N, C-alpha and C. Protein backbone atom coordinates (compact mmCIF):
# COMPACT_ATOMS: atom_id res chain seq x y z
N MET A 1 31.65 -31.58 100.63
CA MET A 1 30.84 -30.67 99.51
C MET A 1 29.77 -30.42 99.95
N SER A 2 29.11 -29.54 100.07
CA SER A 2 28.02 -29.02 100.33
C SER A 2 26.84 -29.66 99.48
N SER A 3 25.75 -29.75 99.78
CA SER A 3 24.67 -30.47 99.39
C SER A 3 23.18 -30.40 99.39
N ASP A 4 22.25 -29.94 98.52
CA ASP A 4 20.74 -29.73 98.73
C ASP A 4 20.01 -30.71 98.28
N ILE A 5 20.32 -31.63 97.47
CA ILE A 5 19.44 -32.94 97.44
C ILE A 5 20.50 -34.04 97.62
N THR A 6 20.02 -34.90 98.60
CA THR A 6 20.58 -36.32 98.70
C THR A 6 20.08 -37.25 98.03
N LEU A 7 20.66 -38.26 97.28
CA LEU A 7 19.92 -39.43 96.88
C LEU A 7 20.40 -40.28 97.82
N VAL A 8 19.47 -41.15 98.29
CA VAL A 8 19.48 -42.43 99.15
C VAL A 8 18.92 -43.99 98.71
N GLY A 9 20.02 -44.54 98.49
CA GLY A 9 19.98 -46.02 98.28
C GLY A 9 19.15 -46.46 99.56
N ILE A 10 17.67 -47.46 99.43
CA ILE A 10 16.99 -47.56 100.71
C ILE A 10 16.98 -49.33 100.55
N GLY A 11 17.93 -50.00 99.60
CA GLY A 11 17.93 -51.27 99.61
C GLY A 11 16.81 -52.20 99.18
N PRO A 12 16.69 -53.22 99.12
CA PRO A 12 15.84 -54.56 98.37
C PRO A 12 14.38 -54.03 98.76
N GLY A 13 14.17 -54.29 100.25
CA GLY A 13 13.07 -53.96 100.67
C GLY A 13 12.74 -53.81 102.30
N SER A 14 13.55 -54.71 103.05
CA SER A 14 13.23 -54.63 104.29
C SER A 14 14.37 -53.90 104.84
N PRO A 15 13.56 -52.76 105.80
CA PRO A 15 14.54 -51.71 106.58
C PRO A 15 15.64 -52.41 107.08
N ASP A 16 15.85 -53.83 107.53
CA ASP A 16 17.09 -54.54 108.44
C ASP A 16 18.12 -53.75 107.29
N TYR A 17 17.87 -54.09 106.12
CA TYR A 17 19.15 -53.81 104.78
C TYR A 17 19.52 -52.30 104.65
N LEU A 18 18.76 -51.08 105.40
CA LEU A 18 18.87 -49.99 105.07
C LEU A 18 20.18 -49.65 106.02
N LEU A 19 21.18 -49.08 105.36
CA LEU A 19 22.66 -48.72 105.76
C LEU A 19 22.36 -47.60 106.77
N PRO A 20 23.48 -47.47 108.04
CA PRO A 20 22.90 -46.58 108.92
C PRO A 20 23.20 -45.32 108.26
N VAL A 21 24.25 -44.84 107.60
CA VAL A 21 24.34 -43.41 106.90
C VAL A 21 23.30 -43.15 106.61
N ALA A 22 22.61 -44.05 105.42
CA ALA A 22 21.20 -43.92 104.78
C ALA A 22 20.06 -43.30 105.92
N ARG A 23 20.06 -44.25 107.10
CA ARG A 23 19.02 -43.72 108.01
C ARG A 23 19.23 -42.54 108.71
N ARG A 24 20.72 -42.00 108.84
CA ARG A 24 21.08 -40.77 109.21
C ARG A 24 20.36 -39.80 108.43
N GLU A 25 20.64 -40.14 107.24
CA GLU A 25 20.47 -38.83 106.07
C GLU A 25 18.83 -38.58 106.06
N ILE A 26 18.11 -39.76 106.22
CA ILE A 26 16.60 -39.95 106.14
C ILE A 26 16.09 -38.85 107.43
N GLU A 27 16.39 -39.26 108.51
CA GLU A 27 16.23 -38.48 109.69
C GLU A 27 16.46 -37.04 109.99
N LYS A 28 17.38 -36.59 109.01
CA LYS A 28 17.80 -35.26 108.75
C LYS A 28 17.02 -34.71 107.69
N ALA A 29 16.18 -34.98 107.06
CA ALA A 29 15.74 -34.59 105.91
C ALA A 29 14.62 -33.78 106.34
N GLN A 30 14.05 -32.37 105.85
CA GLN A 30 12.97 -31.80 105.97
C GLN A 30 12.18 -31.99 104.75
N VAL A 31 12.18 -32.45 104.21
CA VAL A 31 11.74 -33.24 102.88
C VAL A 31 12.22 -34.26 102.40
N LEU A 32 10.94 -35.10 101.95
CA LEU A 32 11.58 -36.81 101.68
C LEU A 32 10.60 -36.91 100.30
N VAL A 33 11.16 -37.56 99.66
CA VAL A 33 10.61 -37.81 98.16
C VAL A 33 10.89 -39.37 98.21
N GLY A 34 9.85 -40.06 97.52
CA GLY A 34 10.37 -41.41 97.16
C GLY A 34 9.15 -42.41 97.16
N GLY A 35 9.12 -43.58 96.81
CA GLY A 35 7.73 -44.41 96.26
C GLY A 35 6.61 -44.26 97.93
N ARG A 36 5.42 -44.66 97.60
CA ARG A 36 4.61 -44.36 98.45
C ARG A 36 4.79 -45.76 99.77
N GLU A 37 5.29 -46.76 99.33
CA GLU A 37 5.71 -47.56 100.44
C GLU A 37 7.10 -47.31 101.14
N ALA A 38 8.05 -46.76 100.64
CA ALA A 38 9.24 -46.14 101.14
C ALA A 38 8.80 -44.73 101.85
N LEU A 39 7.98 -43.77 101.83
CA LEU A 39 7.47 -42.90 102.30
C LEU A 39 6.68 -43.75 103.90
N LYS A 40 5.80 -44.45 103.57
CA LYS A 40 5.07 -44.96 104.58
C LYS A 40 6.03 -45.56 105.52
N THR A 41 7.12 -46.21 105.04
CA THR A 41 8.20 -46.86 106.01
C THR A 41 9.04 -45.83 106.67
N TYR A 42 9.50 -44.89 105.96
CA TYR A 42 10.72 -44.11 106.43
C TYR A 42 10.05 -42.59 106.77
N ALA A 43 9.09 -42.03 106.49
CA ALA A 43 8.97 -40.47 106.43
C ALA A 43 8.62 -40.21 108.32
N LEU A 44 8.88 -39.09 108.58
CA LEU A 44 8.83 -38.85 110.11
C LEU A 44 7.62 -37.64 110.06
N LYS A 45 7.35 -37.48 111.27
CA LYS A 45 5.62 -36.76 110.91
C LYS A 45 6.00 -35.33 110.82
N ASP A 46 7.38 -35.18 110.66
CA ASP A 46 7.40 -33.21 110.85
C ASP A 46 8.14 -33.12 109.21
N GLN A 47 8.15 -34.07 108.50
CA GLN A 47 8.75 -34.05 107.04
C GLN A 47 7.68 -33.66 106.14
N ASP A 48 7.92 -32.92 105.10
CA ASP A 48 6.91 -32.84 103.97
C ASP A 48 7.45 -33.92 102.83
N THR A 49 6.46 -34.31 102.55
CA THR A 49 6.83 -35.83 101.25
C THR A 49 6.28 -35.27 100.12
N PHE A 50 6.72 -36.06 99.31
CA PHE A 50 6.05 -36.14 97.81
C PHE A 50 6.38 -37.50 97.33
N PRO A 51 4.92 -38.10 96.60
CA PRO A 51 5.48 -39.34 96.31
C PRO A 51 5.68 -39.68 94.89
N ILE A 52 6.62 -40.48 94.78
CA ILE A 52 7.33 -40.65 93.01
C ILE A 52 6.02 -41.94 92.76
N THR A 53 5.68 -41.35 91.58
CA THR A 53 4.30 -42.62 91.03
C THR A 53 4.70 -42.61 89.46
N GLY A 54 5.86 -42.78 89.12
CA GLY A 54 6.12 -43.15 87.59
C GLY A 54 6.45 -41.92 86.68
N LYS A 55 5.62 -41.29 86.95
CA LYS A 55 6.03 -39.60 86.24
C LYS A 55 7.31 -38.71 86.95
N LEU A 56 8.20 -39.33 86.47
CA LEU A 56 9.74 -38.41 86.98
C LEU A 56 9.83 -36.86 86.47
N GLU A 57 8.86 -36.52 85.50
CA GLU A 57 9.21 -35.47 85.15
C GLU A 57 8.04 -34.38 86.42
N LYS A 58 7.14 -34.92 87.08
CA LYS A 58 6.56 -34.43 87.99
C LYS A 58 7.64 -34.14 89.45
N VAL A 59 8.05 -35.10 89.38
CA VAL A 59 9.50 -35.48 90.68
C VAL A 59 10.34 -34.28 90.56
N ILE A 60 10.70 -33.56 89.34
CA ILE A 60 11.58 -32.69 88.98
C ILE A 60 11.28 -31.27 89.15
N SER A 61 9.97 -31.27 88.80
CA SER A 61 9.20 -30.14 89.15
C SER A 61 8.76 -29.60 90.29
N TYR A 62 8.75 -30.54 91.19
CA TYR A 62 8.56 -30.52 92.56
C TYR A 62 9.87 -30.12 93.27
N LEU A 63 10.82 -30.55 92.87
CA LEU A 63 12.43 -30.45 93.23
C LEU A 63 13.02 -29.06 93.03
N GLU A 64 12.35 -28.59 91.99
CA GLU A 64 12.82 -27.25 91.57
C GLU A 64 11.93 -26.03 92.16
N GLN A 65 10.68 -26.47 92.59
CA GLN A 65 9.87 -25.42 93.63
C GLN A 65 10.31 -25.56 94.95
N VAL A 66 10.92 -26.43 95.45
CA VAL A 66 11.49 -26.74 96.92
C VAL A 66 12.19 -25.34 97.36
N PRO A 67 12.01 -24.39 98.07
CA PRO A 67 13.12 -23.55 98.63
C PRO A 67 14.20 -24.05 99.18
N SER A 68 15.04 -22.94 98.64
CA SER A 68 16.68 -23.33 98.73
C SER A 68 16.63 -23.18 100.62
N GLY A 69 17.82 -24.15 100.66
CA GLY A 69 18.26 -23.95 102.04
C GLY A 69 17.51 -25.34 102.93
N LYS A 70 16.44 -25.88 102.27
CA LYS A 70 15.82 -26.70 102.74
C LYS A 70 16.61 -28.34 102.40
N LYS A 71 16.67 -29.15 103.50
CA LYS A 71 17.19 -30.41 103.17
C LYS A 71 16.29 -31.46 102.33
N VAL A 72 16.81 -32.26 101.20
CA VAL A 72 15.99 -33.01 100.77
C VAL A 72 16.58 -34.04 100.58
N VAL A 73 15.92 -35.06 100.72
CA VAL A 73 16.37 -36.57 100.37
C VAL A 73 15.18 -37.33 99.88
N VAL A 74 15.79 -37.90 98.56
CA VAL A 74 15.21 -38.77 97.56
C VAL A 74 15.45 -40.03 97.80
N LEU A 75 14.35 -41.29 98.00
CA LEU A 75 14.78 -42.23 98.36
C LEU A 75 14.48 -43.03 97.08
N VAL A 76 15.25 -44.32 96.53
CA VAL A 76 15.32 -45.20 95.61
C VAL A 76 15.48 -46.34 96.22
N SER A 77 14.41 -47.41 95.52
CA SER A 77 15.09 -48.67 96.06
C SER A 77 16.45 -49.26 95.41
N GLY A 78 16.93 -50.36 96.04
CA GLY A 78 18.36 -50.71 95.73
C GLY A 78 19.51 -49.70 95.92
N ASP A 79 20.02 -49.70 94.78
CA ASP A 79 21.18 -48.72 94.62
C ASP A 79 21.17 -47.43 93.67
N PRO A 80 21.05 -46.13 93.87
CA PRO A 80 20.74 -45.25 93.14
C PRO A 80 21.62 -45.05 91.71
N GLY A 81 22.65 -45.87 91.82
CA GLY A 81 23.79 -46.08 90.89
C GLY A 81 23.42 -46.80 89.53
N PHE A 82 22.29 -47.75 89.91
CA PHE A 82 22.35 -48.94 89.06
C PHE A 82 20.77 -48.80 88.77
N TYR A 83 20.57 -48.23 87.06
CA TYR A 83 19.56 -48.82 86.62
C TYR A 83 18.27 -47.66 87.47
N SER A 84 18.68 -47.00 87.98
CA SER A 84 17.93 -45.77 88.73
C SER A 84 17.76 -44.34 88.59
N PHE A 85 17.45 -43.57 89.62
CA PHE A 85 17.00 -42.28 89.47
C PHE A 85 18.21 -41.25 89.10
N LEU A 86 19.46 -41.71 89.62
CA LEU A 86 20.86 -40.91 89.57
C LEU A 86 20.96 -40.07 88.17
N SER A 87 21.06 -40.92 86.94
CA SER A 87 21.54 -40.56 85.78
C SER A 87 20.41 -39.54 85.34
N TYR A 88 18.98 -39.44 85.59
CA TYR A 88 18.09 -38.91 85.03
C TYR A 88 18.03 -37.59 86.16
N LEU A 89 18.25 -37.49 87.23
CA LEU A 89 18.24 -36.48 87.85
C LEU A 89 19.57 -35.24 87.66
N LYS A 90 20.49 -36.10 87.66
CA LYS A 90 21.69 -35.27 86.82
C LYS A 90 21.79 -34.68 85.48
N GLU A 91 20.80 -35.34 84.71
CA GLU A 91 20.60 -34.79 83.55
C GLU A 91 19.45 -33.56 83.24
N LYS A 92 18.63 -34.09 84.51
CA LYS A 92 17.55 -32.43 84.69
C LYS A 92 17.67 -31.39 85.05
N MET A 93 18.75 -31.74 86.10
CA MET A 93 19.11 -30.98 87.26
C MET A 93 20.78 -30.72 87.33
N PRO A 94 21.45 -30.34 86.27
CA PRO A 94 22.85 -30.34 86.43
C PRO A 94 23.63 -29.60 87.19
N SER A 95 22.86 -28.24 87.40
CA SER A 95 23.10 -27.32 88.53
C SER A 95 23.33 -27.37 90.22
N ARG A 96 22.62 -28.41 90.26
CA ARG A 96 22.19 -28.93 91.47
C ARG A 96 23.42 -29.31 92.12
N GLU A 97 23.70 -29.70 93.54
CA GLU A 97 24.54 -30.21 94.26
C GLU A 97 24.04 -31.72 94.79
N LEU A 98 24.76 -32.78 94.34
CA LEU A 98 24.37 -34.10 94.58
C LEU A 98 25.08 -34.94 95.58
N LYS A 99 24.48 -35.28 96.42
CA LYS A 99 25.16 -36.38 97.43
C LYS A 99 24.44 -37.68 97.40
N VAL A 100 25.06 -38.69 97.18
CA VAL A 100 24.63 -39.99 96.86
C VAL A 100 25.10 -40.71 97.71
N ILE A 101 23.93 -41.59 98.56
CA ILE A 101 24.41 -42.59 99.51
C ILE A 101 24.07 -43.84 99.17
N PRO A 102 24.85 -44.61 98.64
CA PRO A 102 24.55 -46.11 98.11
C PRO A 102 23.93 -46.94 98.99
N GLY A 103 23.15 -47.81 98.36
CA GLY A 103 22.15 -48.77 98.95
C GLY A 103 22.73 -50.38 98.49
N ILE A 104 21.81 -51.31 99.02
CA ILE A 104 22.48 -52.72 99.18
C ILE A 104 21.05 -53.32 98.00
N SER A 105 22.02 -54.06 96.84
CA SER A 105 21.24 -53.95 95.64
C SER A 105 20.44 -55.45 95.60
N ALA A 106 19.39 -55.29 94.70
CA ALA A 106 19.07 -57.01 94.90
C ALA A 106 19.71 -57.97 94.44
N PHE A 107 20.17 -57.62 93.28
CA PHE A 107 21.70 -58.33 92.66
C PHE A 107 22.32 -58.88 93.83
N GLN A 108 22.87 -58.05 95.05
CA GLN A 108 23.64 -58.44 95.71
C GLN A 108 23.08 -59.74 97.01
N VAL A 109 21.90 -59.21 97.27
CA VAL A 109 20.94 -59.89 97.98
C VAL A 109 20.84 -61.49 96.91
N ALA A 110 20.41 -61.43 96.02
CA ALA A 110 20.30 -62.83 95.45
C ALA A 110 21.23 -63.52 95.16
N PHE A 111 22.64 -63.22 94.79
CA PHE A 111 23.73 -64.11 94.64
C PHE A 111 24.08 -64.45 96.08
N ALA A 112 23.74 -63.70 97.15
CA ALA A 112 23.98 -64.28 98.33
C ALA A 112 23.29 -65.36 98.66
N ARG A 113 21.85 -65.58 98.95
CA ARG A 113 20.85 -66.30 98.86
C ARG A 113 21.02 -67.62 98.17
N ILE A 114 21.71 -67.59 96.96
CA ILE A 114 22.09 -68.75 96.11
C ILE A 114 23.39 -69.14 96.08
N ARG A 115 24.07 -68.57 97.21
CA ARG A 115 25.43 -68.63 97.50
C ARG A 115 26.58 -68.82 96.27
N SER A 116 26.39 -67.60 95.66
CA SER A 116 27.08 -67.82 94.20
C SER A 116 28.36 -66.36 94.16
N SER A 117 29.02 -66.39 93.69
CA SER A 117 29.58 -65.27 93.46
C SER A 117 29.42 -64.36 92.67
N TRP A 118 28.95 -63.00 92.26
CA TRP A 118 28.54 -62.33 91.21
C TRP A 118 29.60 -61.86 90.37
N HIS A 119 30.91 -61.47 90.71
CA HIS A 119 31.86 -60.89 89.77
C HIS A 119 31.78 -61.52 88.33
N GLU A 120 31.40 -62.79 88.46
CA GLU A 120 31.43 -63.64 87.17
C GLU A 120 30.26 -63.65 86.13
N ALA A 121 29.30 -62.80 86.77
CA ALA A 121 27.99 -62.38 85.91
C ALA A 121 27.59 -61.20 85.36
N SER A 122 26.95 -61.30 84.43
CA SER A 122 26.62 -60.16 83.78
C SER A 122 25.22 -59.49 84.11
N LEU A 123 25.03 -58.66 84.88
CA LEU A 123 23.99 -58.03 85.46
C LEU A 123 22.84 -56.68 84.38
N PHE A 124 21.78 -56.97 84.07
CA PHE A 124 20.96 -55.61 83.70
C PHE A 124 19.60 -55.91 84.03
N SER A 125 18.82 -55.27 83.62
CA SER A 125 17.62 -54.70 83.96
C SER A 125 16.41 -54.74 82.92
N LEU A 126 15.58 -55.30 82.76
CA LEU A 126 14.40 -55.49 82.22
C LEU A 126 12.93 -54.84 82.76
N HIS A 127 13.59 -53.70 83.78
CA HIS A 127 12.24 -53.37 84.50
C HIS A 127 12.01 -51.87 84.21
N GLY A 128 11.26 -51.92 83.28
CA GLY A 128 10.58 -50.37 82.66
C GLY A 128 11.37 -50.14 81.50
N ARG A 129 11.86 -50.89 81.16
CA ARG A 129 12.68 -51.12 79.82
C ARG A 129 12.87 -52.12 78.74
N ARG A 130 13.08 -52.04 77.65
CA ARG A 130 13.43 -53.50 76.57
C ARG A 130 14.65 -53.25 76.21
N ILE A 131 14.84 -54.70 75.67
CA ILE A 131 16.50 -54.75 74.80
C ILE A 131 16.13 -55.58 73.70
N GLU A 132 16.23 -54.85 72.83
CA GLU A 132 15.81 -55.34 71.48
C GLU A 132 16.81 -56.80 71.37
N ASN A 133 15.93 -57.64 70.60
CA ASN A 133 16.69 -58.95 70.40
C ASN A 133 17.45 -59.48 71.97
N LEU A 134 16.19 -59.60 73.10
CA LEU A 134 16.46 -59.91 73.87
C LEU A 134 17.56 -61.28 74.11
N VAL A 135 17.13 -62.31 72.86
CA VAL A 135 17.60 -63.46 73.14
C VAL A 135 19.15 -63.46 72.40
N SER A 136 19.31 -62.91 71.58
CA SER A 136 20.69 -62.64 70.96
C SER A 136 21.48 -62.04 72.04
N PHE A 137 21.03 -61.15 72.75
CA PHE A 137 21.68 -60.03 73.95
C PHE A 137 22.16 -61.51 75.03
N ILE A 138 21.19 -61.89 75.19
CA ILE A 138 21.69 -63.02 76.64
C ILE A 138 22.64 -64.12 76.02
N GLU A 139 22.49 -64.57 75.12
CA GLU A 139 23.39 -65.68 73.99
C GLU A 139 24.98 -65.08 74.34
N GLU A 140 25.12 -63.87 73.97
CA GLU A 140 26.46 -62.67 73.65
C GLU A 140 26.92 -62.90 75.06
N LYS A 141 25.95 -62.23 75.86
CA LYS A 141 26.61 -62.52 77.56
C LYS A 141 26.92 -63.79 78.09
N LEU A 142 26.29 -64.80 77.43
CA LEU A 142 26.80 -66.18 78.26
C LEU A 142 27.88 -66.92 77.49
N ARG A 143 28.24 -66.19 76.42
CA ARG A 143 29.38 -66.54 75.62
C ARG A 143 30.79 -66.25 76.63
N GLU A 144 30.19 -64.70 77.35
CA GLU A 144 31.56 -64.09 77.90
C GLU A 144 31.81 -64.54 79.49
N VAL A 145 30.08 -64.84 80.11
CA VAL A 145 30.65 -64.86 81.35
C VAL A 145 29.64 -65.97 81.47
N PRO A 146 29.64 -66.69 82.84
CA PRO A 146 29.12 -68.43 82.90
C PRO A 146 27.44 -67.90 83.54
N ARG A 147 27.26 -66.73 83.71
CA ARG A 147 25.86 -66.63 84.03
C ARG A 147 25.17 -65.33 83.79
N VAL A 148 24.22 -65.06 83.98
CA VAL A 148 23.60 -63.53 83.73
C VAL A 148 22.35 -63.60 84.78
N ALA A 149 22.06 -62.06 85.18
CA ALA A 149 21.22 -61.96 86.09
C ALA A 149 20.36 -60.90 85.91
N PHE A 150 18.96 -60.59 86.09
CA PHE A 150 18.42 -59.61 85.65
C PHE A 150 17.16 -59.06 86.29
N LEU A 151 16.63 -58.32 86.45
CA LEU A 151 15.61 -57.76 86.62
C LEU A 151 14.35 -57.80 86.35
N THR A 152 13.28 -58.23 86.60
CA THR A 152 11.85 -58.21 85.77
C THR A 152 11.23 -57.13 85.97
N ASP A 153 10.04 -57.06 85.54
CA ASP A 153 8.93 -56.31 85.77
C ASP A 153 7.27 -56.81 85.44
N ASN A 154 6.43 -56.16 85.84
CA ASN A 154 5.05 -56.63 85.82
C ASN A 154 4.73 -56.96 84.16
N HIS A 155 5.23 -56.39 83.00
CA HIS A 155 5.10 -56.71 81.86
C HIS A 155 6.03 -57.55 81.30
N LEU A 156 7.23 -57.60 81.38
CA LEU A 156 7.95 -58.85 81.12
C LEU A 156 8.55 -59.92 82.34
N THR A 157 7.64 -60.78 82.61
CA THR A 157 7.97 -61.56 84.17
C THR A 157 8.74 -62.58 83.47
N PRO A 158 9.50 -63.34 84.51
CA PRO A 158 10.16 -64.29 84.47
C PRO A 158 9.35 -65.48 83.61
N ASP A 159 8.27 -65.73 83.77
CA ASP A 159 7.79 -66.65 82.59
C ASP A 159 7.56 -66.15 81.36
N GLU A 160 7.21 -65.20 80.91
CA GLU A 160 7.15 -64.65 79.91
C GLU A 160 8.92 -64.33 79.09
N VAL A 161 9.79 -63.95 80.18
CA VAL A 161 11.45 -64.42 79.56
C VAL A 161 11.46 -65.38 79.10
N ALA A 162 11.11 -66.71 80.00
CA ALA A 162 11.00 -67.97 79.65
C ALA A 162 11.12 -68.65 78.56
N ARG A 163 9.80 -68.05 78.17
CA ARG A 163 8.74 -68.63 76.82
C ARG A 163 9.59 -67.92 75.91
N ILE A 164 9.93 -66.87 75.83
CA ILE A 164 10.56 -66.42 74.60
C ILE A 164 11.87 -66.83 74.72
N LEU A 165 12.88 -67.27 75.11
CA LEU A 165 14.06 -67.95 75.38
C LEU A 165 13.80 -69.30 74.50
N LEU A 166 12.58 -70.09 75.45
CA LEU A 166 12.43 -71.33 74.44
C LEU A 166 12.04 -71.23 72.96
N GLU A 167 11.06 -70.15 72.93
CA GLU A 167 10.59 -69.99 71.38
C GLU A 167 12.20 -69.90 70.24
N GLU A 168 12.84 -69.14 70.92
CA GLU A 168 14.38 -69.25 70.14
C GLU A 168 15.47 -70.02 70.16
N GLY A 169 14.92 -71.08 70.72
CA GLY A 169 15.74 -72.22 70.80
C GLY A 169 16.55 -72.41 71.67
N PHE A 170 16.40 -71.87 73.06
CA PHE A 170 16.98 -72.03 74.40
C PHE A 170 16.86 -73.38 75.03
N PRO A 171 17.92 -74.23 75.39
CA PRO A 171 17.63 -75.54 75.78
C PRO A 171 16.52 -75.71 77.09
N GLY A 172 15.49 -76.34 76.69
CA GLY A 172 14.61 -76.13 78.12
C GLY A 172 15.23 -76.74 79.45
N GLU A 173 16.23 -77.22 79.75
CA GLU A 173 17.05 -78.04 80.60
C GLU A 173 17.94 -76.65 81.50
N THR A 174 17.98 -75.57 80.46
CA THR A 174 19.05 -74.44 81.34
C THR A 174 18.47 -74.11 82.59
N PRO A 175 19.32 -74.25 83.42
CA PRO A 175 18.68 -73.99 84.71
C PRO A 175 18.95 -72.16 85.07
N LEU A 176 17.96 -72.12 86.03
CA LEU A 176 17.84 -70.42 86.70
C LEU A 176 17.18 -70.77 87.94
N TYR A 177 17.63 -69.34 88.46
CA TYR A 177 16.80 -69.30 89.77
C TYR A 177 15.65 -67.62 89.40
N VAL A 178 14.75 -68.16 90.29
CA VAL A 178 13.63 -66.93 90.11
C VAL A 178 13.63 -66.37 91.61
N LEU A 179 14.31 -64.99 91.75
CA LEU A 179 14.02 -64.64 93.53
C LEU A 179 12.67 -63.85 93.62
N THR A 180 12.08 -63.92 94.60
CA THR A 180 10.95 -62.69 94.18
C THR A 180 10.90 -61.98 95.82
N ASP A 181 10.38 -61.04 96.04
CA ASP A 181 10.14 -60.35 97.18
C ASP A 181 11.55 -60.35 98.55
N LEU A 182 12.76 -60.28 97.66
CA LEU A 182 13.56 -60.60 98.65
C LEU A 182 13.92 -59.61 99.49
N THR A 183 14.37 -60.25 101.02
CA THR A 183 14.22 -59.78 102.40
C THR A 183 12.83 -59.33 102.91
N LEU A 184 12.14 -59.43 102.23
CA LEU A 184 10.76 -59.39 102.61
C LEU A 184 9.97 -60.90 103.39
N PRO A 185 9.24 -60.68 104.06
CA PRO A 185 8.64 -62.01 104.85
C PRO A 185 8.19 -62.67 103.82
N THR A 186 7.57 -62.40 102.76
CA THR A 186 7.10 -63.38 101.32
C THR A 186 7.91 -63.64 100.49
N GLU A 187 9.52 -63.33 100.67
CA GLU A 187 10.40 -64.11 100.05
C GLU A 187 10.50 -65.06 99.53
N LYS A 188 10.89 -65.72 98.38
CA LYS A 188 10.69 -66.83 97.73
C LYS A 188 12.12 -66.87 96.93
N VAL A 189 12.80 -68.04 97.01
CA VAL A 189 13.68 -68.66 96.01
C VAL A 189 13.40 -69.85 95.71
N GLU A 190 13.65 -70.05 94.41
CA GLU A 190 13.24 -70.98 93.46
C GLU A 190 14.15 -71.22 92.49
N ARG A 191 14.84 -72.59 92.28
CA ARG A 191 15.70 -73.17 91.29
C ARG A 191 14.97 -74.05 90.50
N MET A 192 15.04 -73.98 89.21
CA MET A 192 14.05 -74.67 87.99
C MET A 192 14.73 -74.40 86.84
N SER A 193 14.08 -75.38 86.04
CA SER A 193 14.60 -75.33 84.44
C SER A 193 14.06 -74.31 83.62
N LEU A 194 14.56 -73.93 82.69
CA LEU A 194 13.88 -72.89 81.72
C LEU A 194 12.35 -73.42 81.46
N GLU A 195 12.21 -74.84 81.04
CA GLU A 195 11.12 -75.06 80.72
C GLU A 195 9.77 -75.12 81.94
N GLU A 196 10.36 -75.31 82.95
CA GLU A 196 9.52 -75.15 84.03
C GLU A 196 9.21 -73.66 84.41
N ALA A 197 10.07 -73.05 84.62
CA ALA A 197 9.93 -71.50 84.36
C ALA A 197 8.82 -70.95 83.65
N ALA A 198 8.94 -71.31 82.36
CA ALA A 198 7.98 -70.72 81.39
C ALA A 198 6.46 -71.38 81.79
N ARG A 199 6.24 -72.30 82.38
CA ARG A 199 4.82 -72.67 83.09
C ARG A 199 4.48 -72.27 84.37
N LYS A 200 5.35 -71.44 84.96
CA LYS A 200 5.12 -71.35 86.38
C LYS A 200 4.98 -69.59 86.54
N LYS A 201 3.58 -69.43 87.10
CA LYS A 201 3.62 -67.64 86.89
C LYS A 201 4.48 -67.25 87.94
N GLU A 202 5.36 -65.79 87.73
CA GLU A 202 5.78 -65.43 89.00
C GLU A 202 5.69 -63.83 88.85
N LYS A 203 5.72 -63.51 89.91
CA LYS A 203 5.63 -61.95 90.31
C LYS A 203 6.87 -61.32 89.39
N GLY A 204 6.25 -60.44 88.95
CA GLY A 204 6.80 -59.68 87.72
C GLY A 204 7.98 -58.68 88.64
N ASN A 205 8.05 -57.95 89.71
CA ASN A 205 9.35 -57.70 89.98
C ASN A 205 10.24 -58.90 90.93
N SER A 206 11.23 -59.13 90.22
CA SER A 206 11.70 -60.41 90.63
C SER A 206 13.15 -60.67 90.17
N VAL A 207 14.25 -61.38 90.69
CA VAL A 207 15.38 -61.07 90.02
C VAL A 207 15.70 -62.79 89.39
N VAL A 208 15.97 -62.54 88.30
CA VAL A 208 16.21 -63.88 87.62
C VAL A 208 17.98 -64.11 87.44
N VAL A 209 18.54 -65.09 87.82
CA VAL A 209 19.86 -65.66 87.54
C VAL A 209 19.51 -67.02 86.75
N LEU A 210 20.35 -66.92 85.26
CA LEU A 210 20.06 -68.10 84.57
C LEU A 210 21.66 -68.17 84.11
N GLY A 211 22.00 -69.49 83.56
CA GLY A 211 23.29 -70.13 83.04
C GLY A 211 23.51 -70.90 84.11
N ASP A 212 25.25 -70.79 84.55
CA ASP A 212 25.92 -71.91 85.33
C ASP A 212 25.17 -71.61 86.82
N VAL A 213 24.21 -71.84 87.32
CA VAL A 213 23.59 -71.94 88.73
C VAL A 213 23.47 -73.08 89.31
């Protein structure tokens, strides 16, 4: 299938976790779109670049103005199909042909780090979104599966989530992992209780695995 936009998952952080097929697509690009750090890491000197700064409508406007025939690659962290840019791009540009290259997600790395399978976990994201009745949502998931894993952000950090759960009656001894900066030199993997997590300030962009861990 011919394609004029390729959406590439670049993995959780380190270029070591970029798939070879993704690297080939990036190297063939004439136009590269992505976060500033991603562009700094992957952009080549002869490529046109456009930074994703959070206002996704600006990205769509830019993509619509790129001359036809140019090979465009859009970089997204993790995997494009999990709480990422794929759904939004398909909704806003339904007539464009898309090619999607998967990436290694932070969840895959997180479960590898704690040496646990993840087919029995419920995965969701709090990154840039809110879930109403978060506590009852997590309780319901834990009745279905032994553990939940979720992405956090700088507004709803791991310690803030822990405090919310404690206030709503979650046992303080509930075990969890907080995994930060996965695959980077600053990577940190910590196992603690919910009560300990509530007292410990952590980076917002983390993976939390809670339950039977």
